[in-house]
PDB file of N, CA and C in Angstrom:
ATOM      1  N   LYS A   1     162.739 -68.027  99.785  1.00  0.00           N
ATOM      2  CA  LYS A   1     161.988 -66.811 100.103  1.00  0.00           C
ATOM      3  C   LYS A   1     160.683 -67.168 100.812  1.00  0.00           C
ATOM      4  N   ALA A   2     160.035 -68.221 100.340  1.00  0.00           N
ATOM      5  CA  ALA A   2     158.770 -68.635 100.952  1.00  0.00           C
ATOM      6  C   ALA A   2     159.002 -69.025 102.410  1.00  0.00           C
ATOM      7  N   PHE A   3     160.126 -69.713 102.654  1.00  0.00           N
ATOM      8  CA  PHE A   3     160.440 -70.130 104.021  1.00  0.00           C
ATOM      9  C   PHE A   3     160.649 -68.908 104.915  1.00  0.00           C
ATOM     10  N   SER A   4     161.359 -67.918 104.386  1.00  0.00           N
ATOM     11  CA  SER A   4     161.609 -66.702 105.156  1.00  0.00           C
ATOM     12  C   SER A   4     160.299 -66.003 105.486  1.00  0.00           C
ATOM     13  N   LEU A   5     159.384 -65.986 104.514  1.00  0.00           N
ATOM     14  CA  LEU A   5     158.089 -65.346 104.726  1.00  0.00           C
ATOM     15  C   LEU A   5     157.323 -66.070 105.824  1.00  0.00           C
ATOM     16  N   ALA A   6     157.292 -67.394 105.737  1.00  0.00           N
ATOM     17  CA  ALA A   6     156.579 -68.188 106.735  1.00  0.00           C
ATOM     18  C   ALA A   6     157.185 -67.972 108.114  1.00  0.00           C
ATOM     19  N   LYS A   7     158.502 -67.923 108.178  1.00  0.00           N
ATOM     20  CA  LYS A   7     159.179 -67.723 109.457  1.00  0.00           C
ATOM     21  C   LYS A   7     158.847 -66.349 110.029  1.00  0.00           C
ATOM     22  N   SER A   8     158.882 -65.339 109.172  1.00  0.00           N
ATOM     23  CA  SER A   8     158.585 -63.979 109.625  1.00  0.00           C
ATOM     24  C   SER A   8     157.167 -63.882 110.163  1.00  0.00           C
ATOM     25  N   VAL A   9     156.218 -64.476 109.436  1.00  0.00           N
ATOM     26  CA  VAL A   9     154.818 -64.427 109.848  1.00  0.00           C
ATOM     27  C   VAL A   9     154.616 -65.199 111.146  1.00  0.00           C
ATOM     28  N   SER A  10     155.238 -66.368 111.253  1.00  0.00           N
ATOM     29  CA  SER A  10     155.054 -67.200 112.438  1.00  0.00           C
ATOM     30  C   SER A  10     155.626 -66.529 113.679  1.00  0.00           C
ATOM     31  N   THR A  11     156.637 -65.705 113.493  1.00  0.00           N
ATOM     32  CA  THR A  11     157.245 -65.029 114.636  1.00  0.00           C
ATOM     33  C   THR A  11     156.643 -63.649 114.852  1.00  0.00           C
ATOM     34  N   GLY A  12     155.650 -63.306 114.028  1.00  0.00           N
ATOM     35  CA  GLY A  12     155.005 -62.004 114.163  1.00  0.00           C
ATOM     36  C   GLY A  12     155.924 -60.888 113.692  1.00  0.00           C
ATOM     37  N   ASP A  13     156.876 -61.232 112.824  1.00  0.00           N
ATOM     38  CA  ASP A  13     157.852 -60.252 112.351  1.00  0.00           C
ATOM     39  C   ASP A  13     157.597 -59.928 110.886  1.00  0.00           C
ATOM     40  N   SER A  14     156.322 -60.001 110.489  1.00  0.00           N
ATOM     41  CA  SER A  14     155.970 -59.766 109.084  1.00  0.00           C
ATOM     42  C   SER A  14     156.346 -58.352 108.658  1.00  0.00           C
ATOM     43  N   LYS A  15     156.276 -57.409 109.585  1.00  0.00           N
ATOM     44  CA  LYS A  15     156.600 -56.021 109.248  1.00  0.00           C
ATOM     45  C   LYS A  15     158.058 -55.906 108.810  1.00  0.00           C
ATOM     46  N   SER A  16     158.946 -56.537 109.565  1.00  0.00           N
ATOM     47  CA  SER A  16     160.366 -56.504 109.216  1.00  0.00           C
ATOM     48  C   SER A  16     160.599 -57.196 107.885  1.00  0.00           C
ATOM     49  N   PHE A  17     159.831 -58.264 107.632  1.00  0.00           N
ATOM     50  CA  PHE A  17     159.964 -58.993 106.367  1.00  0.00           C
ATOM     51  C   PHE A  17     159.659 -58.071 105.201  1.00  0.00           C
ATOM     52  N   PHE A  18     158.564 -57.334 105.307  1.00  0.00           N
ATOM     53  CA  PHE A  18     158.181 -56.430 104.218  1.00  0.00           C
ATOM     54  C   PHE A  18     159.210 -55.316 104.056  1.00  0.00           C
ATOM     55  N   VAL A  19     159.791 -54.888 105.149  1.00  0.00           N
ATOM     56  CA  VAL A  19     160.836 -53.854 105.077  1.00  0.00           C
ATOM     57  C   VAL A  19     162.029 -54.398 104.308  1.00  0.00           C
ATOM     58  N   ARG A  20     162.413 -55.655 104.625  1.00  0.00           N
ATOM     59  CA  ARG A  20     163.552 -56.260 103.918  1.00  0.00           C
ATOM     60  C   ARG A  20     163.230 -56.426 102.447  1.00  0.00           C
ATOM     61  N   GLN A  21     162.003 -56.853 102.138  1.00  0.00           N
ATOM     62  CA  GLN A  21     161.601 -57.030 100.739  1.00  0.00           C
ATOM     63  C   GLN A  21     161.679 -55.699  99.994  1.00  0.00           C
ATOM     64  N   THR A  22     161.216 -54.638 100.639  1.00  0.00           N
ATOM     65  CA  THR A  22     161.243 -53.312 100.017  1.00  0.00           C
ATOM     66  C   THR A  22     162.678 -52.881  99.765  1.00  0.00           C
ATOM     67  N   ASN A  23     163.543 -53.075 100.757  1.00  0.00           N
ATOM     68  CA  ASN A  23     164.950 -52.705 100.598  1.00  0.00           C
ATOM     69  C   ASN A  23     165.589 -53.502  99.478  1.00  0.00           C
ATOM     70  N   LYS A  24     165.238 -54.778  99.376  1.00  0.00           N
ATOM     71  CA  LYS A  24     165.793 -55.636  98.338  1.00  0.00           C
ATOM     72  C   LYS A  24     165.377 -55.126  96.960  1.00  0.00           C
ATOM     73  N   LYS A  25     164.110 -54.746  96.831  1.00  0.00           N
ATOM     74  CA  LYS A  25     163.613 -54.236  95.549  1.00  0.00           C
ATOM     75  C   LYS A  25     164.337 -52.951  95.170  1.00  0.00           C
ATOM     76  N   ILE A  26     164.609 -52.122  96.164  1.00  0.00           N
ATOM     77  CA  ILE A  26     165.322 -50.865  95.898  1.00  0.00           C
ATOM     78  C   ILE A  26     166.731 -51.177  95.400  1.00  0.00           C
ATOM     79  N   LEU A  27     167.380 -52.152  96.039  1.00  0.00           N
ATOM     80  CA  LEU A  27     168.740 -52.523  95.639  1.00  0.00           C
ATOM     81  C   LEU A  27     168.753 -53.109  94.239  1.00  0.00           C
ATOM     82  N   GLU A  28     167.696 -53.822  93.900  1.00  0.00           N
ATOM     83  CA  GLU A  28     167.622 -54.437  92.573  1.00  0.00           C
ATOM     84  C   GLU A  28     167.240 -53.371  91.556  1.00  0.00           C
TER      85      GLU A  28
END
């Protein structure tokens, strides 16, 4: 998960990362 976060931030895709995290929490 940490790697995914770092990758998202480095690519400027942090917004999509947070969206995925939110969706994951909803599914859980």
